[in-house]
Amino acid sequence: MSAGEIKMNCAEVAPLLVFFACDEVGAEERGAIETHLAECAECRALLAEENALHESLCAIPQVADELDRTGMLLARCRSELAESLDEMAMPAEPEKWQPFGWVRRWMALRPGWSAAGLLAAGAILGVQLLQWLPTENSNIKGTAMKVSAAPALSDEQLAKMAVGSINFAPSVDSAPGTVQLQISAEQPVTLSGNLDDNDVRRVLTYVVRNSDRFDAGVRIDCLDALKARAHDGEIRAALLDAIGHDQNPAVRMKALEALREVAGEKDVREALLDRLNIDSNPGVRVEAVNLLVRSLEVESAPQVAMQVDSDMPMLAPVAPSAAPPSSDPSVRRIVRALEDLQHSDPNRYVRLRSAAALRQIGPSEVQ
């Protein structure tokens, strides 16, 4: 049955009017509600009240702007929810045949017997191996073996490698943290070092740039390790490539987070403005808005004023306007982009966040 053929009465339409006003209904429901509204004056009056209520709420300062000024937490939650819903909608993969599954099940149900059996098997194996090991009285001469450091990874090895796991330990000071990579290529390789190590950098940036070959969780771990060196041109180029080409919105969100400290750079601003126009995920668009506002805050670096709250025995910080009073063309581009989002973005939350960002920048820049 098409949307135009669905008939709804007042009892069914009334509870949906609040969602209709917030643009949170599906295409079929919207068509049925609009058909009913065209015939029912009473429901049209209820819808007018809902629209007036929302306009009043949008006109007053939003509490969320004070509790989460950047909007990062809500944007991330929305992105993770959308990703979870997409994963739930995907068909479940058929269970693979496991020839020794009954052994694992038996051992899981009988841990005591399993432990005893493993100990006995280890003892027997150890006794058998001792017979093959050379002793001090044996006439077998050992051959000296020269152990050298693993050679640098070639382009061919990078093209064939698979990353098993990434362990990243951030440093307490300004130095980069320690990264350990488990790589499966022609033979298993373990790389350990920091971002100053050329092989570690090449592997991390290669994974980020080739999103179609590696798991999303591995790409997010790589981005988490790379953000400590976002000021480096090569690493920043890989982060910008991730926000422009990675198909997973959670990975794009992580790349935006890694670019937070370099949001004022020209190439980063250009990439953020592009995301506002072409990214299909509202959470990513909101995060791009947050970083553009932050780029103006970093540029101006205002001193935070302090005022005394009469209801609380502590000082509350009050942040002034984010943008510096300048005629920088890039600042005007940001303001125009936010104004376009405020009026034309299909997502209500993106429109509200853009309006809040314009208030945060300040009236002098908006004009």
Protein backbone atom coordinates (compact mmCIF):
# COMPACT_ATOMS: atom_id res chain seq x y z
CA MET A 1 0.00 0.00 0.00
CA SER A 2 1.47 3.40 -0.97
CA ALA A 3 1.73 6.38 1.37
CA GLY A 4 -1.26 8.05 -0.27
CA GLU A 5 -3.47 4.99 0.34
CA ILE A 6 -2.80 4.80 4.10
CA LYS A 7 -5.69 6.29 6.05
CA MET A 8 -5.13 7.55 9.59
CA ASN A 9 -7.60 8.95 12.07
CA CYS A 10 -7.11 11.72 14.63
CA ALA A 11 -6.24 9.26 17.43
CA GLU A 12 -3.38 7.88 15.32
CA VAL A 13 -2.14 11.20 13.98
CA ALA A 14 -2.13 13.24 17.24
CA PRO A 15 0.74 11.34 18.97
CA LEU A 16 2.85 11.60 15.80
CA LEU A 17 2.57 15.38 15.39
CA VAL A 18 5.52 16.09 17.70
CA PHE A 19 7.72 13.80 15.58
CA PHE A 20 6.30 15.30 12.39
CA ALA A 21 7.27 18.78 13.60
CA CYS A 22 10.81 17.56 14.39
CA ASP A 23 11.18 15.89 10.95
CA GLU A 24 11.60 12.48 12.62
CA VAL A 25 9.03 10.41 10.68
CA GLY A 26 9.42 8.10 7.72
CA ALA A 27 8.29 8.82 4.19
CA GLU A 28 5.11 6.68 4.43
CA GLU A 29 4.07 8.15 7.78
CA ARG A 30 4.73 11.68 6.50
CA GLY A 31 2.52 11.11 3.45
CA ALA A 32 -0.30 9.66 5.55
CA ILE A 33 -0.09 12.50 8.10
CA GLU A 34 -0.08 15.18 5.41
CA THR A 35 -3.13 13.56 3.78
CA HIS A 36 -4.97 13.60 7.11
CA LEU A 37 -3.93 17.20 7.88
CA ALA A 38 -5.33 18.37 4.57
CA GLU A 39 -8.76 17.13 5.70
CA CYS A 40 -8.70 17.78 9.47
CA ALA A 41 -8.65 21.34 10.82
CA GLU A 42 -8.36 20.16 14.45
CA CYS A 43 -5.11 18.29 13.77
CA ARG A 44 -3.77 21.25 11.80
CA ALA A 45 -4.33 23.40 14.88
CA LEU A 46 -2.45 20.88 17.04
CA LEU A 47 0.44 20.90 14.54
CA ALA A 48 0.55 24.71 14.66
CA GLU A 49 0.88 24.52 18.47
CA GLU A 50 3.75 22.05 18.15
CA ASN A 51 5.55 24.27 15.63
CA ALA A 52 5.11 27.31 17.87
CA LEU A 53 6.48 25.38 20.85
CA HIS A 54 9.60 24.32 18.91
CA GLU A 55 10.18 27.85 17.64
CA SER A 56 9.99 29.13 21.23
CA LEU A 57 12.45 26.50 22.43
CA CYS A 58 14.89 27.35 19.65
CA ALA A 59 14.71 31.05 20.51
CA ILE A 60 15.92 30.60 24.11
CA PRO A 61 19.53 29.64 25.03
CA GLN A 62 20.03 25.89 24.88
CA VAL A 63 21.21 24.16 28.05
CA ALA A 64 23.13 21.67 25.92
CA ASP A 65 25.29 24.52 24.60
CA GLU A 66 26.58 25.11 28.13
CA LEU A 67 26.97 21.48 29.22
CA ASP A 68 28.54 20.32 25.93
CA ARG A 69 29.69 23.43 24.10
CA THR A 70 31.37 21.58 21.28
CA GLY A 71 28.52 19.08 20.76
CA MET A 72 31.12 16.32 20.43
CA LEU A 73 29.50 13.92 22.92
CA LEU A 74 26.03 14.03 21.34
CA ALA A 75 27.45 13.82 17.81
CA ARG A 76 29.52 10.78 18.71
CA CYS A 77 26.54 9.06 20.36
CA ARG A 78 24.39 9.68 17.29
CA SER A 79 27.10 8.33 14.99
CA GLU A 80 27.62 5.19 17.10
CA LEU A 81 23.85 4.62 17.25
CA ALA A 82 23.55 4.90 13.46
CA GLU A 83 26.45 2.51 12.99
CA SER A 84 24.93 -0.01 15.44
CA LEU A 85 21.58 0.14 13.65
CA ASP A 86 23.31 -0.47 10.31
CA GLU A 87 25.11 -3.50 11.74
CA MET A 88 21.86 -4.89 13.18
CA ALA A 89 20.19 -4.52 9.78
CA MET A 90 22.88 -6.55 8.05
CA PRO A 91 22.09 -10.27 7.59
CA ALA A 92 23.92 -12.59 9.97
CA GLU A 93 26.79 -14.53 8.48
CA PRO A 94 26.31 -18.30 8.34
CA GLU A 95 28.15 -20.14 11.06
CA LYS A 96 31.34 -21.74 9.79
CA TRP A 97 31.99 -25.43 10.22
CA GLN A 98 34.29 -26.12 13.16
CA PRO A 99 35.64 -29.68 13.08
CA PHE A 100 36.94 -29.60 16.67
CA GLY A 101 34.12 -27.61 18.17
CA TRP A 102 32.96 -30.57 20.25
CA VAL A 103 36.41 -30.69 21.89
CA ARG A 104 36.17 -27.07 22.98
CA ARG A 105 32.65 -27.57 24.29
CA TRP A 106 33.72 -30.65 26.26
CA MET A 107 36.68 -28.78 27.77
CA ALA A 108 34.53 -25.77 28.65
CA LEU A 109 32.06 -27.99 30.57
CA ARG A 110 34.83 -29.92 32.40
CA PRO A 111 37.58 -27.43 33.33
CA GLY A 112 39.19 -29.75 35.93
CA TRP A 113 39.57 -32.69 33.59
CA SER A 114 40.70 -30.33 30.81
CA ALA A 115 43.50 -28.87 32.94
CA ALA A 116 44.70 -32.33 34.00
CA GLY A 117 44.67 -33.58 30.41
CA LEU A 118 46.65 -30.56 29.17
CA LEU A 119 49.27 -31.02 31.91
CA ALA A 120 49.66 -34.71 31.07
CA ALA A 121 49.97 -33.98 27.36
CA GLY A 122 52.59 -31.29 28.07
CA ALA A 123 54.63 -33.67 30.24
CA ILE A 124 54.61 -36.42 27.61
CA LEU A 125 55.55 -33.99 24.85
CA GLY A 126 58.38 -32.55 26.95
CA VAL A 127 59.84 -36.03 27.66
CA GLN A 128 59.78 -36.87 23.96
CA LEU A 129 61.45 -33.59 22.97
CA LEU A 130 64.28 -34.09 25.47
CA GLN A 131 65.41 -37.14 23.51
CA TRP A 132 66.01 -35.01 20.44
CA LEU A 133 67.83 -32.11 22.10
CA PRO A 134 71.69 -32.15 22.00
CA THR A 135 73.56 -32.57 25.32
CA GLU A 136 76.99 -31.42 26.47
CA ASN A 137 78.52 -34.81 25.50
CA SER A 138 77.12 -34.85 22.02
CA ASN A 139 79.48 -34.51 19.08
CA ILE A 140 77.14 -32.22 17.16
CA LYS A 141 78.80 -28.90 16.48
CA GLY A 142 76.59 -25.85 16.71
CA THR A 143 76.51 -23.38 13.89
CA ALA A 144 76.88 -19.72 14.73
CA MET A 145 73.88 -17.65 13.75
CA LYS A 146 73.99 -13.95 13.17
CA VAL A 147 70.88 -12.15 14.32
CA SER A 148 70.22 -8.79 12.77
CA ALA A 149 67.41 -6.27 12.92
CA ALA A 150 64.44 -6.88 10.68
CA PRO A 151 64.76 -5.12 7.34
CA ALA A 152 62.54 -2.19 6.43
CA LEU A 153 59.18 -3.12 4.98
CA SER A 154 59.05 -2.92 1.21
CA ASP A 155 56.12 -1.63 -0.83
CA GLU A 156 55.35 -5.21 -1.87
CA GLN A 157 55.19 -6.34 1.76
CA LEU A 158 52.87 -3.45 2.60
CA ALA A 159 50.58 -4.41 -0.27
CA LYS A 160 50.32 -8.02 1.00
CA MET A 161 50.32 -7.46 4.76
CA ALA A 162 47.45 -7.99 7.19
CA VAL A 163 47.44 -6.21 10.56
CA GLY A 164 46.44 -8.54 13.36
CA SER A 165 46.46 -6.13 16.31
CA ILE A 166 47.69 -2.70 17.39
CA ASN A 167 48.72 -1.94 20.96
CA PHE A 168 49.21 1.75 21.68
CA ALA A 169 50.53 3.09 24.99
CA PRO A 170 50.33 6.92 25.10
CA SER A 171 53.19 8.80 26.72
CA VAL A 172 52.75 11.01 29.79
CA ASP A 173 54.87 13.81 28.29
CA SER A 174 54.93 15.45 24.86
CA ALA A 175 56.79 12.51 23.30
CA PRO A 176 54.82 10.06 21.12
CA GLY A 177 53.57 6.89 22.76
CA THR A 178 54.78 3.38 22.08
CA VAL A 179 53.13 1.40 19.27
CA GLN A 180 53.33 -2.38 18.81
CA LEU A 181 52.04 -3.85 15.54
CA GLN A 182 51.38 -7.53 14.81
CA ILE A 183 51.73 -7.92 11.03
CA SER A 184 51.16 -10.99 8.87
CA ALA A 185 52.96 -10.74 5.55
CA GLU A 186 55.16 -13.40 3.95
CA GLN A 187 56.10 -14.19 7.54
CA PRO A 188 54.77 -12.81 10.84
CA VAL A 189 56.45 -9.55 11.87
CA THR A 190 56.19 -7.58 15.10
CA LEU A 191 57.00 -3.88 14.91
CA SER A 192 57.54 -1.95 18.10
CA GLY A 193 58.45 1.71 18.39
CA ASN A 194 56.92 5.17 18.18
CA LEU A 195 55.91 7.53 15.41
CA ASP A 196 59.52 8.60 14.92
CA ASP A 197 60.18 5.08 13.59
CA ASN A 198 59.84 5.13 9.79
CA ASP A 199 58.39 1.59 9.51
CA VAL A 200 55.77 2.25 12.19
CA ARG A 201 54.70 5.49 10.49
CA ARG A 202 54.51 3.80 7.07
CA VAL A 203 52.32 0.97 8.34
CA LEU A 204 49.94 3.24 10.27
CA THR A 205 49.48 5.70 7.41
CA TYR A 206 49.17 2.87 4.87
CA VAL A 207 46.32 1.29 6.86
CA VAL A 208 44.52 4.64 7.14
CA ARG A 209 44.85 5.37 3.42
CA ASN A 210 43.72 1.88 2.31
CA SER A 211 40.45 1.61 4.22
CA ASP A 212 39.00 -1.04 1.89
CA ARG A 213 41.61 -3.61 2.99
CA PHE A 214 41.55 -3.31 6.78
CA ASP A 215 38.97 -3.64 9.54
CA ALA A 216 37.35 -0.45 10.86
CA GLY A 217 38.57 -1.19 14.40
CA VAL A 218 42.17 -1.46 13.16
CA ARG A 219 41.83 1.85 11.29
CA ILE A 220 40.48 3.56 14.43
CA ASP A 221 43.43 2.23 16.47
CA CYS A 222 45.83 3.60 13.85
CA LEU A 223 44.17 7.02 13.98
CA ASP A 224 44.38 7.00 17.78
CA ALA A 225 48.13 6.46 17.54
CA LEU A 226 48.66 9.01 14.74
CA LYS A 227 46.90 11.95 16.41
CA ALA A 228 49.96 12.63 18.60
CA ARG A 229 51.80 13.71 15.42
CA ALA A 230 48.99 15.54 13.60
CA HIS A 231 51.31 18.52 13.07
CA ASP A 232 53.48 16.35 10.78
CA GLY A 233 52.61 16.98 7.13
CA GLU A 234 52.68 13.32 6.05
CA ILE A 235 50.51 12.17 8.95
CA ARG A 236 48.09 15.08 8.56
CA ALA A 237 47.69 14.20 4.87
CA ALA A 238 46.74 10.63 5.87
CA LEU A 239 44.19 11.96 8.39
CA LEU A 240 42.66 14.23 5.75
CA ASP A 241 42.50 11.29 3.36
CA ALA A 242 40.56 9.33 6.01
CA ILE A 243 37.89 11.99 6.50
CA GLY A 244 37.52 12.35 2.74
CA HIS A 245 37.41 8.73 1.58
CA ASP A 246 36.74 6.31 4.46
CA GLN A 247 33.26 4.78 4.15
CA ASN A 248 32.80 4.23 7.91
CA PRO A 249 31.40 7.30 9.76
CA ALA A 250 32.99 6.23 13.05
CA VAL A 251 36.43 6.22 11.37
CA ARG A 252 35.77 9.67 9.87
CA MET A 253 34.75 10.91 13.33
CA LYS A 254 38.00 9.54 14.78
CA ALA A 255 40.02 11.23 12.04
CA LEU A 256 38.31 14.55 12.83
CA GLU A 257 39.13 14.07 16.51
CA ALA A 258 42.80 13.45 15.58
CA LEU A 259 42.84 16.75 13.64
CA ARG A 260 41.51 18.73 16.59
CA GLU A 261 44.87 20.32 17.49
CA VAL A 262 45.58 21.42 13.88
CA ALA A 263 42.08 22.64 13.04
CA GLY A 264 43.45 26.11 12.24
CA GLU A 265 45.65 24.89 9.37
CA LYS A 266 44.51 25.96 5.90
CA ASP A 267 44.31 22.45 4.42
CA VAL A 268 42.34 21.21 7.45
CA ARG A 269 39.84 24.08 7.19
CA GLU A 270 39.30 23.36 3.50
CA ALA A 271 38.65 19.69 4.24
CA LEU A 272 36.21 20.58 7.03
CA LEU A 273 34.26 22.92 4.76
CA ASP A 274 34.05 20.14 2.15
CA ARG A 275 32.67 17.72 4.78
CA LEU A 276 29.86 20.18 5.57
CA ASN A 277 28.67 19.98 1.97
CA ILE A 278 29.16 16.33 0.99
CA ASP A 279 29.25 14.10 4.08
CA SER A 280 26.09 12.02 4.44
CA ASN A 281 26.45 11.45 8.21
CA PRO A 282 24.99 14.21 10.42
CA GLY A 283 27.36 13.35 13.27
CA VAL A 284 30.37 13.96 11.01
CA ARG A 285 28.89 17.28 9.85
CA VAL A 286 28.37 18.38 13.46
CA GLU A 287 31.95 17.42 14.37
CA ALA A 288 33.19 19.43 11.37
CA VAL A 289 31.24 22.43 12.69
CA ASN A 290 32.85 21.95 16.11
CA LEU A 291 36.35 21.88 14.64
CA LEU A 292 35.74 24.98 12.53
CA VAL A 293 34.66 26.86 15.65
CA ARG A 294 37.70 25.51 17.48
CA SER A 295 39.98 26.72 14.67
CA LEU A 296 38.74 30.24 15.34
CA GLU A 297 39.23 29.78 19.10
CA VAL A 298 42.82 28.61 18.58
CA GLU A 299 43.48 31.52 16.24
CA SER A 300 42.20 34.12 18.68
CA ALA A 301 43.40 32.33 21.90
CA PRO A 302 41.21 34.52 24.15
CA GLN A 303 41.74 34.83 27.85
CA VAL A 304 38.90 33.16 29.75
CA ALA A 305 37.08 35.54 32.06
CA MET A 306 35.94 34.45 35.49
CA GLN A 307 32.75 35.40 37.31
CA VAL A 308 31.30 34.42 40.67
CA ASP A 309 28.10 32.39 40.64
CA SER A 310 25.94 33.42 43.59
CA ASP A 311 24.41 29.95 43.89
CA MET A 312 27.68 27.97 43.86
CA PRO A 313 30.81 28.47 46.01
CA MET A 314 33.19 28.29 43.01
CA LEU A 315 34.23 30.33 40.01
CA ALA A 316 32.52 29.60 36.68
CA PRO A 317 34.44 30.27 33.42
CA VAL A 318 32.75 32.42 30.80
CA ALA A 319 34.19 32.07 27.29
CA PRO A 320 34.03 35.15 25.04
CA SER A 321 33.37 35.05 21.31
CA ALA A 322 35.29 32.33 19.51
CA ALA A 323 36.37 34.24 16.41
CA PRO A 324 38.86 37.14 16.37
CA PRO A 325 37.62 40.49 15.03
CA SER A 326 39.32 40.21 11.61
CA SER A 327 38.48 40.38 7.93
CA ASP A 328 40.11 37.04 7.13
CA PRO A 329 38.38 35.56 4.04
CA SER A 330 38.54 32.08 5.58
CA VAL A 331 36.56 33.34 8.59
CA ARG A 332 33.89 34.76 6.29
CA ARG A 333 33.74 31.42 4.44
CA ILE A 334 33.13 29.61 7.72
CA VAL A 335 30.34 32.02 8.67
CA ARG A 336 28.67 31.63 5.26
CA ALA A 337 28.92 27.84 5.47
CA LEU A 338 27.34 27.83 8.94
CA GLU A 339 24.55 30.12 7.76
CA ASP A 340 23.81 27.75 4.85
CA LEU A 341 23.68 24.78 7.22
CA GLN A 342 21.43 26.65 9.62
CA HIS A 343 18.83 27.19 6.91
CA SER A 344 19.18 24.26 4.51
CA ASP A 345 20.67 21.18 6.22
CA PRO A 346 18.15 18.28 6.20
CA ASN A 347 19.02 17.28 9.78
CA ARG A 348 17.43 19.31 12.56
CA TYR A 349 20.29 18.82 15.03
CA VAL A 350 22.86 20.02 12.46
CA ARG A 351 20.77 23.15 11.92
CA LEU A 352 20.56 23.79 15.68
CA ARG A 353 24.31 23.20 16.15
CA SER A 354 25.11 25.57 13.29
CA ALA A 355 22.93 28.27 14.86
CA ALA A 356 24.66 27.75 18.21
CA ALA A 357 28.07 27.97 16.50
CA LEU A 358 27.12 31.29 14.92
CA ARG A 359 26.13 32.59 18.37
CA GLN A 360 29.41 31.30 19.75
CA ILE A 361 31.46 33.03 17.03
CA GLY A 362 29.83 36.32 17.86
CA PRO A 363 27.64 38.94 16.14
CA SER A 364 30.61 40.93 14.78
CA GLU A 365 31.77 38.02 12.64
CA VAL A 366 28.25 36.98 11.60
CA GLN A 367 27.68 40.44 10.18
